[in-house]
Amino acid sequence: MAILDLLRATGSTASENPVQSLAYIAIFVPIIYILANEVVRKQARVPGLGGPTGLPLIGNLWQIRTNAAEKYRQWSRTHGAVYQIQLGNIPVVVVNTAASAKVLFGQNAQALSSRPEFYTFHKVGFPYSTYKLWLTRHRSCQILRVLPLEHLHIATH
């Protein structure tokens, strides 16, 4: 009930003074977006893996704009050989030493060896739903071109 009363009061205020309402919207909508984006960025991070905190919306992009390799080396002194950074909303795991890369990628090779699904070939570009379906239809058309029509047993009633 209190929320409905608040919405009614806001609606009456908006009709009486639309400029003030637009000013409130221009202030509060970006603030709400930034707060919601920070929640999303926090949930996207790998749990248990430390790293530097970045700026809202852009993460650590501003910090690595000039010399990323030197910045990674500085961060490895404080956060260890393996840490994570945020590039916008995307968490990136940084591996700084050969020994940690060997342990991480060598011992966990089975878990890290999947191939991504590229949208170019699987989602877009073929007139049929899947490549396998297209290939089946393509082969059947090729067979029809090779076989003479009298060998086909087509019922014409």
Protein backbone atom coordinates (compact mmCIF):
# COMPACT_ATOMS: atom_id res chain seq x y z
CA MET A 1 0.00 0.00 0.00
CA ALA A 2 2.83 2.40 0.77
CA ILE A 3 4.36 1.81 -2.66
CA LEU A 4 1.05 2.59 -4.38
CA ASP A 5 0.70 5.80 -2.37
CA LEU A 6 4.26 6.77 -3.34
CA LEU A 7 3.54 6.10 -7.04
CA ARG A 8 0.34 8.18 -6.88
CA ALA A 9 2.18 11.07 -5.24
CA THR A 10 4.96 10.85 -7.81
CA GLY A 11 2.44 10.80 -10.65
CA SER A 12 0.67 13.89 -9.38
CA THR A 13 4.00 15.68 -8.86
CA ALA A 14 5.12 14.75 -12.38
CA SER A 15 1.97 16.21 -13.93
CA GLU A 16 2.31 19.43 -11.90
CA ASN A 17 6.04 19.99 -12.52
CA PRO A 18 7.40 17.96 -15.45
CA VAL A 19 10.80 19.70 -15.55
CA GLN A 20 11.54 18.72 -11.97
CA SER A 21 10.47 15.15 -12.71
CA LEU A 22 12.80 14.97 -15.71
CA ALA A 23 15.65 16.27 -13.55
CA TYR A 24 14.99 13.55 -10.98
CA ILE A 25 14.94 10.91 -13.72
CA ALA A 26 18.16 12.26 -15.23
CA ILE A 27 19.86 11.94 -11.85
CA PHE A 28 18.44 8.69 -10.47
CA VAL A 29 18.36 6.45 -13.57
CA PRO A 30 22.17 6.58 -14.13
CA ILE A 31 22.80 6.02 -10.43
CA ILE A 32 20.51 2.97 -10.40
CA TYR A 33 22.19 1.68 -13.59
CA ILE A 34 25.67 2.04 -12.10
CA LEU A 35 24.64 0.27 -8.89
CA ALA A 36 22.99 -2.58 -10.82
CA ASN A 37 26.04 -2.87 -13.07
CA GLU A 38 28.32 -3.14 -10.03
CA VAL A 39 26.21 -6.01 -8.71
CA VAL A 40 26.54 -7.77 -12.09
CA ARG A 41 30.31 -7.16 -12.18
CA LYS A 42 30.69 -8.48 -8.62
CA GLN A 43 28.80 -11.67 -9.49
CA ALA A 44 30.86 -12.19 -12.66
CA ARG A 45 34.18 -12.36 -10.77
CA VAL A 46 35.75 -15.74 -10.09
CA PRO A 47 35.18 -16.51 -6.39
CA GLY A 48 38.32 -17.01 -4.30
CA LEU A 49 40.62 -15.32 -6.82
CA GLY A 50 41.87 -11.89 -5.79
CA GLY A 51 42.77 -8.94 -7.90
CA PRO A 52 42.68 -5.17 -8.12
CA THR A 53 39.36 -3.40 -7.95
CA GLY A 54 38.52 -1.25 -10.92
CA LEU A 55 36.42 1.78 -11.64
CA PRO A 56 32.65 1.51 -12.03
CA LEU A 57 31.50 0.55 -15.54
CA ILE A 58 35.00 0.24 -17.08
CA GLY A 59 36.81 -1.90 -14.51
CA ASN A 60 40.59 -1.89 -14.89
CA LEU A 61 40.67 -0.59 -18.48
CA TRP A 62 41.80 2.87 -17.40
CA GLN A 63 44.69 1.45 -15.38
CA ILE A 64 46.14 -0.61 -18.26
CA ARG A 65 45.70 1.98 -21.01
CA THR A 66 49.41 2.87 -21.43
CA ASN A 67 51.64 -0.06 -20.45
CA ALA A 68 49.61 -3.15 -19.62
CA ALA A 69 52.59 -5.50 -19.18
CA GLU A 70 54.21 -3.26 -16.56
CA LYS A 71 50.91 -2.85 -14.73
CA TYR A 72 50.40 -6.65 -14.72
CA ARG A 73 53.88 -7.05 -13.22
CA GLN A 74 53.08 -4.52 -10.47
CA TRP A 75 49.81 -6.23 -9.69
CA SER A 76 51.53 -9.62 -9.52
CA ARG A 77 53.69 -8.31 -6.67
CA THR A 78 50.61 -7.51 -4.60
CA HIS A 79 48.08 -10.12 -5.77
CA GLY A 80 50.28 -13.10 -6.64
CA ALA A 81 51.10 -14.89 -9.88
CA VAL A 82 47.44 -15.57 -10.75
CA TYR A 83 44.79 -12.89 -10.24
CA GLN A 84 41.80 -11.44 -12.01
CA ILE A 85 40.96 -8.05 -13.42
CA GLN A 86 37.77 -6.62 -14.88
CA LEU A 87 37.69 -5.29 -18.44
CA GLY A 88 34.30 -3.63 -18.36
CA ASN A 89 31.95 -6.36 -17.15
CA ILE A 90 34.20 -9.20 -18.32
CA PRO A 91 36.45 -10.88 -15.74
CA VAL A 92 39.92 -11.78 -17.08
CA VAL A 93 42.29 -14.16 -15.29
CA VAL A 94 45.92 -13.04 -15.58
CA VAL A 95 48.66 -15.69 -15.26
CA ASN A 96 52.07 -14.03 -14.80
CA THR A 97 54.63 -16.81 -14.40
CA ALA A 98 55.52 -19.80 -16.53
CA ALA A 99 55.34 -22.11 -13.53
CA SER A 100 51.82 -21.05 -12.64
CA ALA A 101 50.78 -21.30 -16.31
CA LYS A 102 52.18 -24.85 -16.46
CA VAL A 103 50.28 -25.84 -13.32
CA LEU A 104 47.07 -24.08 -14.33
CA PHE A 105 46.91 -25.09 -17.99
CA GLY A 106 48.88 -28.34 -17.84
CA GLN A 107 47.16 -30.05 -14.95
CA ASN A 108 43.70 -28.75 -15.87
CA ALA A 109 43.99 -29.24 -19.63
CA GLN A 110 40.90 -31.45 -19.86
CA ALA A 111 38.69 -28.83 -18.21
CA LEU A 112 40.12 -26.02 -20.35
CA SER A 113 40.07 -27.74 -23.76
CA SER A 114 36.53 -26.99 -24.92
CA ARG A 115 35.92 -25.17 -28.16
CA PRO A 116 33.63 -22.16 -28.30
CA GLU A 117 30.55 -22.15 -30.48
CA PHE A 118 31.07 -19.53 -33.16
CA TYR A 119 27.96 -17.71 -34.28
CA THR A 120 29.27 -17.41 -37.82
CA PHE A 121 28.86 -21.09 -38.58
CA HIS A 122 26.36 -22.37 -36.05
CA LYS A 123 23.86 -19.58 -35.59
CA VAL A 124 24.02 -17.44 -38.73
CA GLY A 125 24.67 -18.01 -42.38
CA PHE A 126 22.90 -21.23 -43.34
CA PRO A 127 19.35 -21.27 -44.66
CA TYR A 128 18.62 -24.45 -42.69
CA SER A 129 18.65 -24.88 -38.93
CA THR A 130 21.89 -26.86 -38.73
CA TYR A 131 24.80 -27.66 -40.96
CA LYS A 132 24.05 -31.38 -40.73
CA LEU A 133 20.54 -30.82 -42.07
CA TRP A 134 21.91 -28.66 -44.88
CA LEU A 135 24.53 -31.28 -45.75
CA THR A 136 21.91 -34.05 -45.85
CA ARG A 137 19.71 -32.04 -48.19
CA HIS A 138 22.68 -31.04 -50.32
CA ARG A 139 23.76 -34.66 -50.73
CA SER A 140 20.25 -35.76 -51.67
CA CYS A 141 20.17 -33.08 -54.37
CA GLN A 142 23.54 -34.29 -55.66
CA ILE A 143 22.22 -37.85 -55.83
CA LEU A 144 19.20 -36.68 -57.84
CA ARG A 145 21.51 -35.00 -60.33
CA VAL A 146 23.58 -38.15 -60.83
CA LEU A 147 20.79 -40.72 -61.06
CA PRO A 148 18.67 -40.85 -64.18
CA LEU A 149 15.00 -40.15 -63.55
CA GLU A 150 13.82 -43.58 -64.73
CA HIS A 151 15.60 -45.25 -61.79
CA LEU A 152 13.49 -43.33 -59.34
CA HIS A 153 10.30 -45.08 -58.28
CA ILE A 154 7.95 -42.17 -57.97
CA ALA A 155 4.28 -42.96 -57.72
CA THR A 156 2.26 -40.69 -59.95
CA HIS A 157 -1.43 -41.15 -59.34
